[in-house]
Amino acid sequence: MQPHPTTPLLALAGALALVLVLSLALLIADYAAPRRAARRWLGLERRLARLHERQARVMQFALPYLEGGHGETLVLVHGFGADKDNFTRLARRLTPRLRVVVPDLSGFGDASRDLQARYRIDDQVARLRLFLAGLGLERCHLGGNSMGGFIAAQYAATYPAAVQTLWLLDAAGCAAAYDNAIGRRYLASGEVPLLVRTPGEFDALLRVVMQHVPWLPHSLRHELARRAVADFALHTRIFREFTRESPTLEDRYAAIRAPTLIVWGREDQMLSPAAAAVMAALIPRSELILLPDTGHLPMLERPRAVAADYLRFLAAQGYGR
């Protein structure tokens, strides 16, 4: 008996209707219960990246971290105002060949806040050292973005034998990085970039830190904005500590012995792209990649290309094969 010709059309219509209903339900939940929906979105991104959340404790701080993948260990350090999930989309391209570990720094993400603690770069380096020791990591590949790049570079300079390779993504710490409109405005007026006083300012911040803002669900934007506003006072102090009370790296680059990949977005508005060449000249064993049409967060804007460049760099050093 031949099927009725309308049967496939009815099945297709039913499937489309189900997709529409599910999409509508997700959209309603995304706005009606943003905190719960944001956790679900993050959970999905982490599963796609083969990452699992773990818990660590360093001194008085609870430091949640993401971990997943197999192979040599790469530790990634997020930037100011950011968190461990800034690297999730990048990690999706790395975990098939590397074990990736991404902690929340003290004072950020889901980590503890301590209003009495200090948050200078040397303080964060000391906590990172204890965190890695707790995982039994005597040596690892190390990378970081923005303030996290500053921390990673300082770590490599302080503990050169502990770092196999160094990966700097639009890294802070070099005086030349602050020689731009935002940096000069901060030095002149004390107006702190990367901070928001109201939730409505968060979308504008995203457009400053990225040339092309990737899609983010409403719930995730809502929760990130809410957390940023709640952290305004503490992060104002942290920003001043790491920019004004942390020595720049110019006099410490000579101590970095690890092969280093420096990546910078040509349209970075937060940290001057001119600093990339300064860093490359100062770090003896370095390679520089300038990414066109890319802002301050290349791992979010161009995760596929950034991951491919890094894996190629690792292979050239004899790692990650």
C-alpha atoms as a PDB file:
ATOM      1  CA  MET A   1       0.000   0.000   0.000  1.00  0.00           C
ATOM      2  CA  GLN A   2       1.467   3.350  -1.023  1.00  0.00           C
ATOM      3  CA  PRO A   3       1.610   6.138   1.628  1.00  0.00           C
ATOM      4  CA  HIS A   4      -0.717   9.018   1.080  1.00  0.00           C
ATOM      5  CA  PRO A   5       1.220  11.840  -0.682  1.00  0.00           C
ATOM      6  CA  THR A   6       0.333  14.324   2.032  1.00  0.00           C
ATOM      7  CA  THR A   7       1.882  12.185   4.808  1.00  0.00           C
ATOM      8  CA  PRO A   8       5.464  13.549   4.466  1.00  0.00           C
ATOM      9  CA  LEU A   9       4.105  17.099   4.322  1.00  0.00           C
ATOM     10  CA  LEU A  10       2.071  16.554   7.488  1.00  0.00           C
ATOM     11  CA  ALA A  11       5.111  15.079   9.253  1.00  0.00           C
ATOM     12  CA  LEU A  12       7.244  18.058   8.199  1.00  0.00           C
ATOM     13  CA  ALA A  13       4.561  20.502   9.327  1.00  0.00           C
ATOM     14  CA  GLY A  14       4.351  18.730  12.680  1.00  0.00           C
ATOM     15  CA  ALA A  15       8.111  18.880  13.151  1.00  0.00           C
ATOM     16  CA  LEU A  16       8.194  22.581  12.279  1.00  0.00           C
ATOM     17  CA  ALA A  17       5.349  23.261  14.684  1.00  0.00           C
ATOM     18  CA  LEU A  18       7.226  21.442  17.468  1.00  0.00           C
ATOM     19  CA  VAL A  19      10.378  23.442  16.774  1.00  0.00           C
ATOM     20  CA  LEU A  20       8.337  26.652  16.838  1.00  0.00           C
ATOM     21  CA  VAL A  21       6.690  25.748  20.138  1.00  0.00           C
ATOM     22  CA  LEU A  22      10.022  24.802  21.736  1.00  0.00           C
ATOM     23  CA  SER A  23      11.665  27.989  20.445  1.00  0.00           C
ATOM     24  CA  LEU A  24       8.822  30.087  21.833  1.00  0.00           C
ATOM     25  CA  ALA A  25       9.096  28.309  25.200  1.00  0.00           C
ATOM     26  CA  LEU A  26      12.850  28.966  25.318  1.00  0.00           C
ATOM     27  CA  LEU A  27      12.311  32.620  24.418  1.00  0.00           C
ATOM     28  CA  ILE A  28       9.696  33.054  27.165  1.00  0.00           C
ATOM     29  CA  ALA A  29      11.943  31.335  29.729  1.00  0.00           C
ATOM     30  CA  ASP A  30      14.905  33.443  28.631  1.00  0.00           C
ATOM     31  CA  TYR A  31      13.055  36.602  29.629  1.00  0.00           C
ATOM     32  CA  ALA A  32      10.853  35.294  32.453  1.00  0.00           C
ATOM     33  CA  ALA A  33      13.589  33.494  34.449  1.00  0.00           C
ATOM     34  CA  PRO A  34      16.908  34.947  33.261  1.00  0.00           C
ATOM     35  CA  ARG A  35      19.086  33.555  36.046  1.00  0.00           C
ATOM     36  CA  ARG A  36      17.966  29.992  35.475  1.00  0.00           C
ATOM     37  CA  ALA A  37      18.045  30.387  31.688  1.00  0.00           C
ATOM     38  CA  ALA A  38      21.569  31.858  31.787  1.00  0.00           C
ATOM     39  CA  ARG A  39      22.806  28.850  33.756  1.00  0.00           C
ATOM     40  CA  ARG A  40      21.296  26.561  31.128  1.00  0.00           C
ATOM     41  CA  TRP A  41      22.931  28.451  28.259  1.00  0.00           C
ATOM     42  CA  LEU A  42      26.301  28.306  30.018  1.00  0.00           C
ATOM     43  CA  GLY A  43      25.797  24.613  30.704  1.00  0.00           C
ATOM     44  CA  LEU A  44      25.136  24.004  27.015  1.00  0.00           C
ATOM     45  CA  GLU A  45      28.246  25.925  25.937  1.00  0.00           C
ATOM     46  CA  ARG A  46      30.358  23.990  28.440  1.00  0.00           C
ATOM     47  CA  ARG A  47      29.031  20.626  27.282  1.00  0.00           C
ATOM     48  CA  LEU A  48      29.814  21.506  23.682  1.00  0.00           C
ATOM     49  CA  ALA A  49      33.353  22.381  24.790  1.00  0.00           C
ATOM     50  CA  ARG A  50      33.678  19.163  26.877  1.00  0.00           C
ATOM     51  CA  LEU A  51      34.254  21.261  29.984  1.00  0.00           C
ATOM     52  CA  HIS A  52      33.086  20.487  33.517  1.00  0.00           C
ATOM     53  CA  GLU A  53      32.961  22.825  36.487  1.00  0.00           C
ATOM     54  CA  ARG A  54      35.187  21.962  39.448  1.00  0.00           C
ATOM     55  CA  GLN A  55      35.855  23.669  42.759  1.00  0.00           C
ATOM     56  CA  ALA A  56      39.154  24.753  44.317  1.00  0.00           C
ATOM     57  CA  ARG A  57      40.087  26.805  47.343  1.00  0.00           C
ATOM     58  CA  VAL A  58      43.101  29.102  47.577  1.00  0.00           C
ATOM     59  CA  MET A  59      43.645  30.886  50.874  1.00  0.00           C
ATOM     60  CA  GLN A  60      40.311  32.515  51.763  1.00  0.00           C
ATOM     61  CA  PHE A  61      39.006  32.329  48.197  1.00  0.00           C
ATOM     62  CA  ALA A  62      36.728  29.769  46.595  1.00  0.00           C
ATOM     63  CA  LEU A  63      37.894  29.498  42.979  1.00  0.00           C
ATOM     64  CA  PRO A  64      35.560  27.589  40.655  1.00  0.00           C
ATOM     65  CA  TYR A  65      37.195  26.446  37.436  1.00  0.00           C
ATOM     66  CA  LEU A  66      36.374  24.678  34.179  1.00  0.00           C
ATOM     67  CA  GLU A  67      38.316  21.619  33.118  1.00  0.00           C
ATOM     68  CA  GLY A  68      38.101  19.238  30.191  1.00  0.00           C
ATOM     69  CA  GLY A  69      39.885  17.564  27.323  1.00  0.00           C
ATOM     70  CA  HIS A  70      42.930  15.326  27.090  1.00  0.00           C
ATOM     71  CA  GLY A  71      46.616  15.858  26.503  1.00  0.00           C
ATOM     72  CA  GLU A  72      49.064  18.475  27.739  1.00  0.00           C
ATOM     73  CA  THR A  73      47.572  21.074  30.071  1.00  0.00           C
ATOM     74  CA  LEU A  74      46.743  24.603  28.950  1.00  0.00           C
ATOM     75  CA  VAL A  75      45.691  27.049  31.684  1.00  0.00           C
ATOM     76  CA  LEU A  76      43.802  30.142  30.511  1.00  0.00           C
ATOM     77  CA  VAL A  77      43.380  33.307  32.602  1.00  0.00           C
ATOM     78  CA  HIS A  78      40.492  35.687  31.940  1.00  0.00           C
ATOM     79  CA  GLY A  79      40.610  39.459  31.878  1.00  0.00           C
ATOM     80  CA  PHE A  80      39.259  42.242  34.070  1.00  0.00           C
ATOM     81  CA  GLY A  81      35.506  42.087  34.643  1.00  0.00           C
ATOM     82  CA  ALA A  82      35.351  38.756  32.812  1.00  0.00           C
ATOM     83  CA  ASP A  83      35.170  35.128  33.946  1.00  0.00           C
ATOM     84  CA  LYS A  84      36.104  31.572  33.021  1.00  0.00           C
ATOM     85  CA  ASP A  85      33.320  31.280  30.411  1.00  0.00           C
ATOM     86  CA  ASN A  86      35.026  33.873  28.215  1.00  0.00           C
ATOM     87  CA  PHE A  87      37.127  30.961  26.944  1.00  0.00           C
ATOM     88  CA  THR A  88      34.399  28.336  26.512  1.00  0.00           C
ATOM     89  CA  ARG A  89      33.850  28.849  22.773  1.00  0.00           C
ATOM     90  CA  LEU A  90      37.605  28.827  22.197  1.00  0.00           C
ATOM     91  CA  ALA A  91      38.032  25.717  24.355  1.00  0.00           C
ATOM     92  CA  ARG A  92      35.584  23.826  22.118  1.00  0.00           C
ATOM     93  CA  ARG A  93      38.304  23.859  19.428  1.00  0.00           C
ATOM     94  CA  LEU A  94      41.103  22.945  21.856  1.00  0.00           C
ATOM     95  CA  THR A  95      39.816  20.166  24.137  1.00  0.00           C
ATOM     96  CA  PRO A  96      40.099  17.441  21.454  1.00  0.00           C
ATOM     97  CA  ARG A  97      43.888  17.873  21.691  1.00  0.00           C
ATOM     98  CA  LEU A  98      44.570  19.562  25.033  1.00  0.00           C
ATOM     99  CA  ARG A  99      43.475  19.444  28.637  1.00  0.00           C
ATOM    100  CA  VAL A 100      42.092  22.937  29.236  1.00  0.00           C
ATOM    101  CA  VAL A 101      41.817  24.484  32.724  1.00  0.00           C
ATOM    102  CA  VAL A 102      40.161  27.890  33.194  1.00  0.00           C
ATOM    103  CA  PRO A 103      39.778  29.344  36.715  1.00  0.00           C
ATOM    104  CA  ASP A 104      37.756  32.277  37.903  1.00  0.00           C
ATOM    105  CA  LEU A 105      40.191  34.758  39.414  1.00  0.00           C
ATOM    106  CA  SER A 106      39.573  35.937  42.967  1.00  0.00           C
ATOM    107  CA  GLY A 107      37.142  38.859  42.858  1.00  0.00           C
ATOM    108  CA  PHE A 108      35.576  37.842  39.531  1.00  0.00           C
ATOM    109  CA  GLY A 109      33.061  35.438  38.045  1.00  0.00           C
ATOM    110  CA  ASP A 110      31.790  32.964  40.626  1.00  0.00           C
ATOM    111  CA  ALA A 111      34.911  33.245  42.792  1.00  0.00           C
ATOM    112  CA  SER A 112      34.882  34.739  46.284  1.00  0.00           C
ATOM    113  CA  ARG A 113      34.982  38.469  46.862  1.00  0.00           C
ATOM    114  CA  ASP A 114      37.014  39.786  49.795  1.00  0.00           C
ATOM    115  CA  LEU A 115      36.838  43.510  50.366  1.00  0.00           C
ATOM    116  CA  GLN A 116      39.937  43.386  52.593  1.00  0.00           C
ATOM    117  CA  ALA A 117      42.163  41.521  50.119  1.00  0.00           C
ATOM    118  CA  ARG A 118      44.626  42.999  47.651  1.00  0.00           C
ATOM    119  CA  TYR A 119      44.254  42.398  43.918  1.00  0.00           C
ATOM    120  CA  ARG A 120      47.493  43.634  42.410  1.00  0.00           C
ATOM    121  CA  ILE A 121      49.018  41.550  39.645  1.00  0.00           C
ATOM    122  CA  ASP A 122      51.585  40.071  42.042  1.00  0.00           C
ATOM    123  CA  ASP A 123      48.742  39.055  44.379  1.00  0.00           C
ATOM    124  CA  GLN A 124      46.868  37.299  41.581  1.00  0.00           C
ATOM    125  CA  VAL A 125      50.093  35.613  40.409  1.00  0.00           C
ATOM    126  CA  ALA A 126      50.667  34.262  43.932  1.00  0.00           C
ATOM    127  CA  ARG A 127      47.101  32.868  44.051  1.00  0.00           C
ATOM    128  CA  LEU A 128      47.471  31.345  40.594  1.00  0.00           C
ATOM    129  CA  ARG A 129      50.658  29.637  41.790  1.00  0.00           C
ATOM    130  CA  LEU A 130      48.780  28.082  44.725  1.00  0.00           C
ATOM    131  CA  PHE A 131      45.864  27.097  42.488  1.00  0.00           C
ATOM    132  CA  LEU A 132      48.146  25.277  40.030  1.00  0.00           C
ATOM    133  CA  ALA A 133      50.041  23.616  42.875  1.00  0.00           C
ATOM    134  CA  GLY A 134      46.727  22.333  44.221  1.00  0.00           C
ATOM    135  CA  LEU A 135      46.104  20.668  40.841  1.00  0.00           C
ATOM    136  CA  GLY A 136      49.588  19.167  40.880  1.00  0.00           C
ATOM    137  CA  LEU A 137      50.682  21.229  37.863  1.00  0.00           C
ATOM    138  CA  GLU A 138      54.411  21.854  38.082  1.00  0.00           C
ATOM    139  CA  ARG A 139      54.586  22.809  34.373  1.00  0.00           C
ATOM    140  CA  CYS A 140      51.891  23.808  31.897  1.00  0.00           C
ATOM    141  CA  HIS A 141      51.106  25.901  28.876  1.00  0.00           C
ATOM    142  CA  LEU A 142      49.750  29.260  30.047  1.00  0.00           C
ATOM    143  CA  GLY A 143      47.644  31.904  28.331  1.00  0.00           C
ATOM    144  CA  GLY A 144      45.599  34.952  29.186  1.00  0.00           C
ATOM    145  CA  ASN A 145      43.568  37.816  27.795  1.00  0.00           C
ATOM    146  CA  SER A 146      43.884  41.478  28.824  1.00  0.00           C
ATOM    147  CA  MET A 147      44.540  41.576  32.603  1.00  0.00           C
ATOM    148  CA  GLY A 148      44.791  37.794  32.429  1.00  0.00           C
ATOM    149  CA  GLY A 149      47.580  38.192  29.882  1.00  0.00           C
ATOM    150  CA  PHE A 150      49.364  40.524  32.297  1.00  0.00           C
ATOM    151  CA  ILE A 151      49.036  37.857  35.017  1.00  0.00           C
ATOM    152  CA  ALA A 152      50.206  35.084  32.659  1.00  0.00           C
ATOM    153  CA  ALA A 153      53.241  37.094  31.513  1.00  0.00           C
ATOM    154  CA  GLN A 154      54.148  38.021  35.072  1.00  0.00           C
ATOM    155  CA  TYR A 155      53.796  34.367  36.079  1.00  0.00           C
ATOM    156  CA  ALA A 156      56.089  33.282  33.229  1.00  0.00           C
ATOM    157  CA  ALA A 157      58.652  35.893  34.241  1.00  0.00           C
ATOM    158  CA  THR A 158      58.481  34.914  37.925  1.00  0.00           C
ATOM    159  CA  TYR A 159      58.419  31.138  37.422  1.00  0.00           C
ATOM    160  CA  PRO A 160      60.099  30.568  34.049  1.00  0.00           C
ATOM    161  CA  ALA A 161      60.656  26.851  34.603  1.00  0.00           C
ATOM    162  CA  ALA A 162      56.926  26.314  35.207  1.00  0.00           C
ATOM    163  CA  VAL A 163      55.699  27.601  31.807  1.00  0.00           C
ATOM    164  CA  GLN A 164      56.125  25.510  28.660  1.00  0.00           C
ATOM    165  CA  THR A 165      54.636  28.090  26.284  1.00  0.00           C
ATOM    166  CA  LEU A 166      52.974  31.456  26.790  1.00  0.00           C
ATOM    167  CA  TRP A 167      49.917  32.747  24.895  1.00  0.00           C
ATOM    168  CA  LEU A 168      49.086  36.449  25.197  1.00  0.00           C
ATOM    169  CA  LEU A 169      45.752  37.676  23.790  1.00  0.00           C
ATOM    170  CA  ASP A 170      45.555  41.496  23.780  1.00  0.00           C
ATOM    171  CA  ALA A 171      47.519  41.465  27.011  1.00  0.00           C
ATOM    172  CA  ALA A 172      47.736  44.337  29.473  1.00  0.00           C
ATOM    173  CA  GLY A 173      50.887  45.184  31.414  1.00  0.00           C
ATOM    174  CA  CYS A 174      52.969  46.978  28.799  1.00  0.00           C
ATOM    175  CA  ALA A 175      53.029  50.787  29.128  1.00  0.00           C
ATOM    176  CA  ALA A 176      52.438  51.165  25.397  1.00  0.00           C
ATOM    177  CA  ALA A 177      49.138  49.297  25.736  1.00  0.00           C
ATOM    178  CA  TYR A 178      47.624  52.206  27.662  1.00  0.00           C
ATOM    179  CA  ASP A 179      48.655  54.833  25.118  1.00  0.00           C
ATOM    180  CA  ASN A 180      45.249  55.240  23.472  1.00  0.00           C
ATOM    181  CA  ALA A 181      42.123  57.352  23.917  1.00  0.00           C
ATOM    182  CA  ILE A 182      40.654  55.240  26.723  1.00  0.00           C
ATOM    183  CA  GLY A 183      43.969  54.981  28.571  1.00  0.00           C
ATOM    184  CA  ARG A 184      44.683  58.693  28.346  1.00  0.00           C
ATOM    185  CA  ARG A 185      41.165  59.520  29.534  1.00  0.00           C
ATOM    186  CA  TYR A 186      41.605  57.219  32.527  1.00  0.00           C
ATOM    187  CA  LEU A 187      44.969  58.746  33.458  1.00  0.00           C
ATOM    188  CA  ALA A 188      43.587  62.263  33.129  1.00  0.00           C
ATOM    189  CA  SER A 189      40.209  61.863  34.831  1.00  0.00           C
ATOM    190  CA  GLY A 190      40.251  58.574  36.747  1.00  0.00           C
ATOM    191  CA  GLU A 191      37.261  57.393  34.703  1.00  0.00           C
ATOM    192  CA  VAL A 192      37.540  53.620  34.833  1.00  0.00           C
ATOM    193  CA  PRO A 193      36.792  51.740  31.598  1.00  0.00           C
ATOM    194  CA  LEU A 194      35.255  48.254  31.611  1.00  0.00           C
ATOM    195  CA  LEU A 195      32.862  49.205  34.425  1.00  0.00           C
ATOM    196  CA  VAL A 196      29.127  49.799  34.288  1.00  0.00           C
ATOM    197  CA  ARG A 197      26.980  51.626  36.826  1.00  0.00           C
ATOM    198  CA  THR A 198      23.629  50.544  35.369  1.00  0.00           C
ATOM    199  CA  PRO A 199      22.497  47.437  33.455  1.00  0.00           C
ATOM    200  CA  GLY A 200      21.717  49.607  30.440  1.00  0.00           C
ATOM    201  CA  GLU A 201      25.423  50.408  30.000  1.00  0.00           C
ATOM    202  CA  PHE A 202      26.420  46.779  29.509  1.00  0.00           C
ATOM    203  CA  ASP A 203      25.535  46.500  25.811  1.00  0.00           C
ATOM    204  CA  ALA A 204      27.531  49.655  25.108  1.00  0.00           C
ATOM    205  CA  LEU A 205      30.518  48.101  26.872  1.00  0.00           C
ATOM    206  CA  LEU A 206      30.266  44.998  24.670  1.00  0.00           C
ATOM    207  CA  ARG A 207      30.453  47.195  21.579  1.00  0.00           C
ATOM    208  CA  VAL A 208      33.626  48.825  22.916  1.00  0.00           C
ATOM    209  CA  VAL A 209      35.472  45.604  23.752  1.00  0.00           C
ATOM    210  CA  MET A 210      34.512  43.760  20.547  1.00  0.00           C
ATOM    211  CA  GLN A 211      34.502  44.780  16.930  1.00  0.00           C
ATOM    212  CA  HIS A 212      31.818  42.184  16.198  1.00  0.00           C
ATOM    213  CA  VAL A 213      29.728  41.162  19.210  1.00  0.00           C
ATOM    214  CA  PRO A 214      28.744  37.470  18.920  1.00  0.00           C
ATOM    215  CA  TRP A 215      25.206  36.388  19.631  1.00  0.00           C
ATOM    216  CA  LEU A 216      24.391  36.169  23.327  1.00  0.00           C
ATOM    217  CA  PRO A 217      20.957  35.260  24.713  1.00  0.00           C
ATOM    218  CA  HIS A 218      19.048  37.939  26.612  1.00  0.00           C
ATOM    219  CA  SER A 219      19.301  36.007  29.886  1.00  0.00           C
ATOM    220  CA  LEU A 220      23.083  35.834  29.748  1.00  0.00           C
ATOM    221  CA  ARG A 221      23.421  39.542  28.946  1.00  0.00           C
ATOM    222  CA  HIS A 222      20.988  40.285  31.792  1.00  0.00           C
ATOM    223  CA  GLU A 223      22.954  38.254  34.347  1.00  0.00           C
ATOM    224  CA  LEU A 224      26.344  39.547  33.257  1.00  0.00           C
ATOM    225  CA  ALA A 225      25.061  43.123  33.489  1.00  0.00           C
ATOM    226  CA  ARG A 226      23.542  42.495  36.911  1.00  0.00           C
ATOM    227  CA  ARG A 227      26.801  41.068  38.228  1.00  0.00           C
ATOM    228  CA  ALA A 228      28.860  43.900  36.728  1.00  0.00           C
ATOM    229  CA  VAL A 229      26.715  46.524  38.461  1.00  0.00           C
ATOM    230  CA  ALA A 230      26.953  44.667  41.790  1.00  0.00           C
ATOM    231  CA  ASP A 231      30.769  44.544  41.451  1.00  0.00           C
ATOM    232  CA  PHE A 232      31.149  48.222  40.532  1.00  0.00           C
ATOM    233  CA  ALA A 233      32.710  49.414  43.811  1.00  0.00           C
ATOM    234  CA  LEU A 234      35.073  46.444  44.267  1.00  0.00           C
ATOM    235  CA  HIS A 235      36.121  46.367  40.628  1.00  0.00           C
ATOM    236  CA  THR A 236      36.829  50.096  40.661  1.00  0.00           C
ATOM    237  CA  ARG A 237      39.399  49.446  43.386  1.00  0.00           C
ATOM    238  CA  ILE A 238      40.780  46.324  41.680  1.00  0.00           C
ATOM    239  CA  PHE A 239      41.252  48.208  38.413  1.00  0.00           C
ATOM    240  CA  ARG A 240      43.257  50.920  40.129  1.00  0.00           C
ATOM    241  CA  GLU A 241      45.365  48.343  41.974  1.00  0.00           C
ATOM    242  CA  PHE A 242      46.327  46.439  38.839  1.00  0.00           C
ATOM    243  CA  THR A 243      46.949  49.542  36.705  1.00  0.00           C
ATOM    244  CA  ARG A 244      48.505  51.951  39.225  1.00  0.00           C
ATOM    245  CA  GLU A 245      50.011  49.690  41.886  1.00  0.00           C
ATOM    246  CA  SER A 246      51.358  46.929  39.624  1.00  0.00           C
ATOM    247  CA  PRO A 247      54.694  47.636  37.895  1.00  0.00           C
ATOM    248  CA  THR A 248      54.597  47.379  34.111  1.00  0.00           C
ATOM    249  CA  LEU A 249      56.262  44.412  32.488  1.00  0.00           C
ATOM    250  CA  GLU A 250      58.930  46.196  30.455  1.00  0.00           C
ATOM    251  CA  ASP A 251      61.659  45.444  33.001  1.00  0.00           C
ATOM    252  CA  ARG A 252      60.557  41.822  33.428  1.00  0.00           C
ATOM    253  CA  TYR A 253      60.163  40.519  29.887  1.00  0.00           C
ATOM    254  CA  ALA A 254      63.793  39.387  29.737  1.00  0.00           C
ATOM    255  CA  ALA A 255      62.944  36.734  32.335  1.00  0.00           C
ATOM    256  CA  ILE A 256      60.349  35.124  30.029  1.00  0.00           C
ATOM    257  CA  ARG A 257      62.057  32.128  28.467  1.00  0.00           C
ATOM    258  CA  ALA A 258      58.981  30.327  27.169  1.00  0.00           C
ATOM    259  CA  PRO A 259      58.113  30.419  23.463  1.00  0.00           C
ATOM    260  CA  THR A 260      55.373  33.054  23.283  1.00  0.00           C
ATOM    261  CA  LEU A 261      52.506  33.637  20.870  1.00  0.00           C
ATOM    262  CA  ILE A 262      51.265  37.235  20.936  1.00  0.00           C
ATOM    263  CA  VAL A 263      47.821  37.800  19.401  1.00  0.00           C
ATOM    264  CA  TRP A 264      46.188  41.224  19.067  1.00  0.00           C
ATOM    265  CA  GLY A 265      43.049  42.553  17.431  1.00  0.00           C
ATOM    266  CA  ARG A 266      43.856  45.449  15.120  1.00  0.00           C
ATOM    267  CA  GLU A 267      40.658  47.272  16.189  1.00  0.00           C
ATOM    268  CA  ASP A 268      41.225  46.862  19.935  1.00  0.00           C
ATOM    269  CA  GLN A 269      39.895  50.034  21.591  1.00  0.00           C
ATOM    270  CA  MET A 270      40.809  49.034  25.156  1.00  0.00           C
ATOM    271  CA  LEU A 271      44.545  48.372  24.741  1.00  0.00           C
ATOM    272  CA  SER A 272      46.570  49.904  21.936  1.00  0.00           C
ATOM    273  CA  PRO A 273      47.524  47.430  19.175  1.00  0.00           C
ATOM    274  CA  ALA A 274      50.836  49.300  18.973  1.00  0.00           C
ATOM    275  CA  ALA A 275      51.840  47.481  22.156  1.00  0.00           C
ATOM    276  CA  ALA A 276      51.892  44.154  20.307  1.00  0.00           C
ATOM    277  CA  ALA A 277      55.078  45.041  18.430  1.00  0.00           C
ATOM    278  CA  VAL A 278      56.653  46.379  21.644  1.00  0.00           C
ATOM    279  CA  MET A 279      55.939  43.072  23.379  1.00  0.00           C
ATOM    280  CA  ALA A 280      57.259  41.055  20.444  1.00  0.00           C
ATOM    281  CA  ALA A 281      60.504  43.026  20.491  1.00  0.00           C
ATOM    282  CA  LEU A 282      60.951  42.535  24.233  1.00  0.00           C
ATOM    283  CA  ILE A 283      60.138  38.821  24.530  1.00  0.00           C
ATOM    284  CA  PRO A 284      63.082  36.880  23.024  1.00  0.00           C
ATOM    285  CA  ARG A 285      61.205  33.840  21.627  1.00  0.00           C
ATOM    286  CA  SER A 286      57.959  35.352  20.406  1.00  0.00           C
ATOM    287  CA  GLU A 287      55.672  35.265  17.389  1.00  0.00           C
ATOM    288  CA  LEU A 288      53.156  38.021  16.645  1.00  0.00           C
ATOM    289  CA  ILE A 289      49.756  37.717  14.965  1.00  0.00           C
ATOM    290  CA  LEU A 290      47.659  40.826  14.294  1.00  0.00           C
ATOM    291  CA  LEU A 291      44.039  39.944  13.568  1.00  0.00           C
ATOM    292  CA  PRO A 292      42.185  42.254  11.144  1.00  0.00           C
ATOM    293  CA  ASP A 293      38.660  43.440  11.926  1.00  0.00           C
ATOM    294  CA  THR A 294      38.967  42.150  15.516  1.00  0.00           C
ATOM    295  CA  GLY A 295      38.661  43.897  18.866  1.00  0.00           C
ATOM    296  CA  HIS A 296      39.863  43.261  22.412  1.00  0.00           C
ATOM    297  CA  LEU A 297      38.423  39.746  22.843  1.00  0.00           C
ATOM    298  CA  PRO A 298      39.610  37.646  19.883  1.00  0.00           C
ATOM    299  CA  MET A 299      38.733  34.361  21.619  1.00  0.00           C
ATOM    300  CA  LEU A 300      35.071  35.413  21.561  1.00  0.00           C
ATOM    301  CA  GLU A 301      35.049  37.142  18.188  1.00  0.00           C
ATOM    302  CA  ARG A 302      37.101  34.618  16.194  1.00  0.00           C
ATOM    303  CA  PRO A 303      37.439  31.430  18.256  1.00  0.00           C
ATOM    304  CA  ARG A 304      37.999  29.104  15.299  1.00  0.00           C
ATOM    305  CA  ALA A 305      40.842  31.128  13.760  1.00  0.00           C
ATOM    306  CA  VAL A 306      42.443  31.902  17.132  1.00  0.00           C
ATOM    307  CA  ALA A 307      42.410  28.235  18.143  1.00  0.00           C
ATOM    308  CA  ALA A 308      43.855  27.143  14.785  1.00  0.00           C
ATOM    309  CA  ASP A 309      46.708  29.651  15.089  1.00  0.00           C
ATOM    310  CA  TYR A 310      47.504  28.458  18.603  1.00  0.00           C
ATOM    311  CA  LEU A 311      47.496  24.755  17.703  1.00  0.00           C
ATOM    312  CA  ARG A 312      49.825  25.513  14.788  1.00  0.00           C
ATOM    313  CA  PHE A 313      52.110  27.452  17.135  1.00  0.00           C
ATOM    314  CA  LEU A 314      52.142  24.574  19.640  1.00  0.00           C
ATOM    315  CA  ALA A 315      52.962  22.060  16.905  1.00  0.00           C
ATOM    316  CA  ALA A 316      55.882  24.233  15.781  1.00  0.00           C
ATOM    317  CA  GLN A 317      57.243  24.023  19.335  1.00  0.00           C
ATOM    318  CA  GLY A 318      56.825  20.251  19.358  1.00  0.00           C
ATOM    319  CA  TYR A 319      53.696  20.208  21.552  1.00  0.00           C
ATOM    320  CA  GLY A 320      50.025  19.330  21.186  1.00  0.00           C
ATOM    321  CA  ARG A 321      50.405  16.714  18.479  1.00  0.00           C
END
